[in-house]
Amino acid sequence: MDLGPDAAGLTQIEEVFTNVISVMVGLAFIVLVVMLVLAGFKYLTSGGEPKAVQQAHQTVTWALLGVVFMALAWLLLQLIHAFTGIDVTIFNAKILQ
């Protein structure tokens, strides 16, 4: 069955996955910056009120935990690569054939 010259193949699927992951990581860091700015704004506008300060502190805590989890995920992928030799950070559908 001939699908023509514009049919999507494994190379295009790999590119889509790579692009989606790149966009997701970029958006995650943008969200991190927004959350840290929001927490700073909460601190500045809290006026020393304990509940508002606690909310700002929780926002910073969760934003930084998000960074830690992202770094741990990356580290885990690098450790898998170091121990097995399989580069799991690169999507390669050709090995699935």
C-alpha atoms as a PDB file:
ATOM      1  CA  MET A   1       0.000   0.000   0.000  1.00  0.00           C
ATOM      2  CA  ASP A   2       1.545   3.273  -1.119  1.00  0.00           C
ATOM      3  CA  LEU A   3       0.743   6.175   1.207  1.00  0.00           C
ATOM      4  CA  GLY A   4       2.536   8.746  -0.880  1.00  0.00           C
ATOM      5  CA  PRO A   5       5.532  10.961  -0.216  1.00  0.00           C
ATOM      6  CA  ASP A   6       3.890  12.837   2.692  1.00  0.00           C
ATOM      7  CA  ALA A   7       3.094   9.825   4.869  1.00  0.00           C
ATOM      8  CA  ALA A   8       4.420  10.088   8.409  1.00  0.00           C
ATOM      9  CA  GLY A   9       7.081   7.577   9.261  1.00  0.00           C
ATOM     10  CA  LEU A  10       9.082   6.712  12.333  1.00  0.00           C
ATOM     11  CA  THR A  11      11.381   9.696  11.864  1.00  0.00           C
ATOM     12  CA  GLN A  12       8.461  12.115  12.030  1.00  0.00           C
ATOM     13  CA  ILE A  13       7.001  10.357  15.076  1.00  0.00           C
ATOM     14  CA  GLU A  14      10.375  10.603  16.823  1.00  0.00           C
ATOM     15  CA  GLU A  15      10.510  14.322  16.012  1.00  0.00           C
ATOM     16  CA  VAL A  16       7.019  14.861  17.416  1.00  0.00           C
ATOM     17  CA  PHE A  17       7.928  13.133  20.697  1.00  0.00           C
ATOM     18  CA  THR A  18      11.182  15.069  20.929  1.00  0.00           C
ATOM     19  CA  ASN A  19       9.396  18.369  20.312  1.00  0.00           C
ATOM     20  CA  VAL A  20       6.633  17.595  22.821  1.00  0.00           C
ATOM     21  CA  ILE A  21       9.142  16.726  25.539  1.00  0.00           C
ATOM     22  CA  SER A  22      11.198  19.850  24.803  1.00  0.00           C
ATOM     23  CA  VAL A  23       8.097  22.042  25.029  1.00  0.00           C
ATOM     24  CA  MET A  24       6.995  20.374  28.274  1.00  0.00           C
ATOM     25  CA  VAL A  25      10.370  20.926  29.937  1.00  0.00           C
ATOM     26  CA  GLY A  26      10.429  24.542  28.774  1.00  0.00           C
ATOM     27  CA  LEU A  27       6.912  25.129  30.080  1.00  0.00           C
ATOM     28  CA  ALA A  28       7.820  23.533  33.393  1.00  0.00           C
ATOM     29  CA  PHE A  29      10.644  26.028  33.896  1.00  0.00           C
ATOM     30  CA  ILE A  30       8.384  28.912  32.882  1.00  0.00           C
ATOM     31  CA  VAL A  31       5.821  27.740  35.452  1.00  0.00           C
ATOM     32  CA  LEU A  32       8.618  27.549  38.031  1.00  0.00           C
ATOM     33  CA  VAL A  33       9.625  31.156  37.421  1.00  0.00           C
ATOM     34  CA  VAL A  34       5.996  32.304  37.535  1.00  0.00           C
ATOM     35  CA  MET A  35       5.409  30.447  40.808  1.00  0.00           C
ATOM     36  CA  LEU A  36       8.535  31.929  42.393  1.00  0.00           C
ATOM     37  CA  VAL A  37       7.525  35.437  41.293  1.00  0.00           C
ATOM     38  CA  LEU A  38       4.026  34.812  42.634  1.00  0.00           C
ATOM     39  CA  ALA A  39       5.467  33.641  45.957  1.00  0.00           C
ATOM     40  CA  GLY A  40       7.651  36.740  46.139  1.00  0.00           C
ATOM     41  CA  PHE A  41       4.624  38.911  45.454  1.00  0.00           C
ATOM     42  CA  LYS A  42       2.728  37.078  48.204  1.00  0.00           C
ATOM     43  CA  TYR A  43       5.593  37.725  50.634  1.00  0.00           C
ATOM     44  CA  LEU A  44       5.689  41.402  49.741  1.00  0.00           C
ATOM     45  CA  THR A  45       1.951  41.889  50.082  1.00  0.00           C
ATOM     46  CA  SER A  46       1.486  39.725  53.185  1.00  0.00           C
ATOM     47  CA  GLY A  47       2.019  42.635  55.567  1.00  0.00           C
ATOM     48  CA  GLY A  48       3.379  40.236  58.158  1.00  0.00           C
ATOM     49  CA  GLU A  49       0.107  38.341  58.411  1.00  0.00           C
ATOM     50  CA  PRO A  50       1.062  34.791  59.453  1.00  0.00           C
ATOM     51  CA  LYS A  51      -1.443  33.035  57.184  1.00  0.00           C
ATOM     52  CA  ALA A  52      -0.340  34.981  54.096  1.00  0.00           C
ATOM     53  CA  VAL A  53       3.340  34.421  54.909  1.00  0.00           C
ATOM     54  CA  GLN A  54       2.657  30.701  55.335  1.00  0.00           C
ATOM     55  CA  GLN A  55       0.915  30.568  51.925  1.00  0.00           C
ATOM     56  CA  ALA A  56       3.879  32.310  50.296  1.00  0.00           C
ATOM     57  CA  HIS A  57       6.259  29.905  52.008  1.00  0.00           C
ATOM     58  CA  GLN A  58       4.231  26.926  50.757  1.00  0.00           C
ATOM     59  CA  THR A  59       4.287  28.315  47.218  1.00  0.00           C
ATOM     60  CA  VAL A  60       8.090  28.583  47.318  1.00  0.00           C
ATOM     61  CA  THR A  61       8.357  25.105  48.816  1.00  0.00           C
ATOM     62  CA  TRP A  62       6.232  23.472  46.129  1.00  0.00           C
ATOM     63  CA  ALA A  63       7.958  25.360  43.322  1.00  0.00           C
ATOM     64  CA  LEU A  64      11.374  24.265  44.558  1.00  0.00           C
ATOM     65  CA  LEU A  65      10.149  20.691  45.060  1.00  0.00           C
ATOM     66  CA  GLY A  66       9.067  20.726  41.422  1.00  0.00           C
ATOM     67  CA  VAL A  67      12.601  21.687  40.406  1.00  0.00           C
ATOM     68  CA  VAL A  68      14.033  18.969  42.626  1.00  0.00           C
ATOM     69  CA  PHE A  69      11.728  16.340  41.100  1.00  0.00           C
ATOM     70  CA  MET A  70      12.636  17.435  37.574  1.00  0.00           C
ATOM     71  CA  ALA A  71      16.341  17.272  38.427  1.00  0.00           C
ATOM     72  CA  LEU A  72      15.923  13.835  40.030  1.00  0.00           C
ATOM     73  CA  ALA A  73      14.088  12.553  36.958  1.00  0.00           C
ATOM     74  CA  TRP A  74      16.900  13.796  34.716  1.00  0.00           C
ATOM     75  CA  LEU A  75      19.500  12.284  37.070  1.00  0.00           C
ATOM     76  CA  LEU A  76      17.675   8.952  37.050  1.00  0.00           C
ATOM     77  CA  LEU A  77      17.681   8.919  33.244  1.00  0.00           C
ATOM     78  CA  GLN A  78      21.405   9.705  33.235  1.00  0.00           C
ATOM     79  CA  LEU A  79      22.082   6.903  35.736  1.00  0.00           C
ATOM     80  CA  ILE A  80      20.140   4.450  33.580  1.00  0.00           C
ATOM     81  CA  HIS A  81      22.296   5.524  30.632  1.00  0.00           C
ATOM     82  CA  ALA A  82      25.499   5.164  32.669  1.00  0.00           C
ATOM     83  CA  PHE A  83      24.678   1.693  33.979  1.00  0.00           C
ATOM     84  CA  THR A  84      23.010   0.154  30.924  1.00  0.00           C
ATOM     85  CA  GLY A  85      24.505   2.102  28.047  1.00  0.00           C
ATOM     86  CA  ILE A  86      21.008   2.744  26.693  1.00  0.00           C
ATOM     87  CA  ASP A  87      20.361   6.413  26.039  1.00  0.00           C
ATOM     88  CA  VAL A  88      16.807   6.709  27.333  1.00  0.00           C
ATOM     89  CA  THR A  89      16.780  10.480  26.838  1.00  0.00           C
ATOM     90  CA  ILE A  90      16.551  10.065  23.072  1.00  0.00           C
ATOM     91  CA  PHE A  91      13.339   8.645  21.656  1.00  0.00           C
ATOM     92  CA  ASN A  92      14.242   6.066  19.036  1.00  0.00           C
ATOM     93  CA  ALA A  93      11.336   4.128  17.533  1.00  0.00           C
ATOM     94  CA  LYS A  94      13.594   2.185  15.156  1.00  0.00           C
ATOM     95  CA  ILE A  95      14.537  -0.262  17.899  1.00  0.00           C
ATOM     96  CA  LEU A  96      10.841  -1.144  18.305  1.00  0.00           C
ATOM     97  CA  GLN A  97      10.619  -2.645  14.815  1.00  0.00           C
END
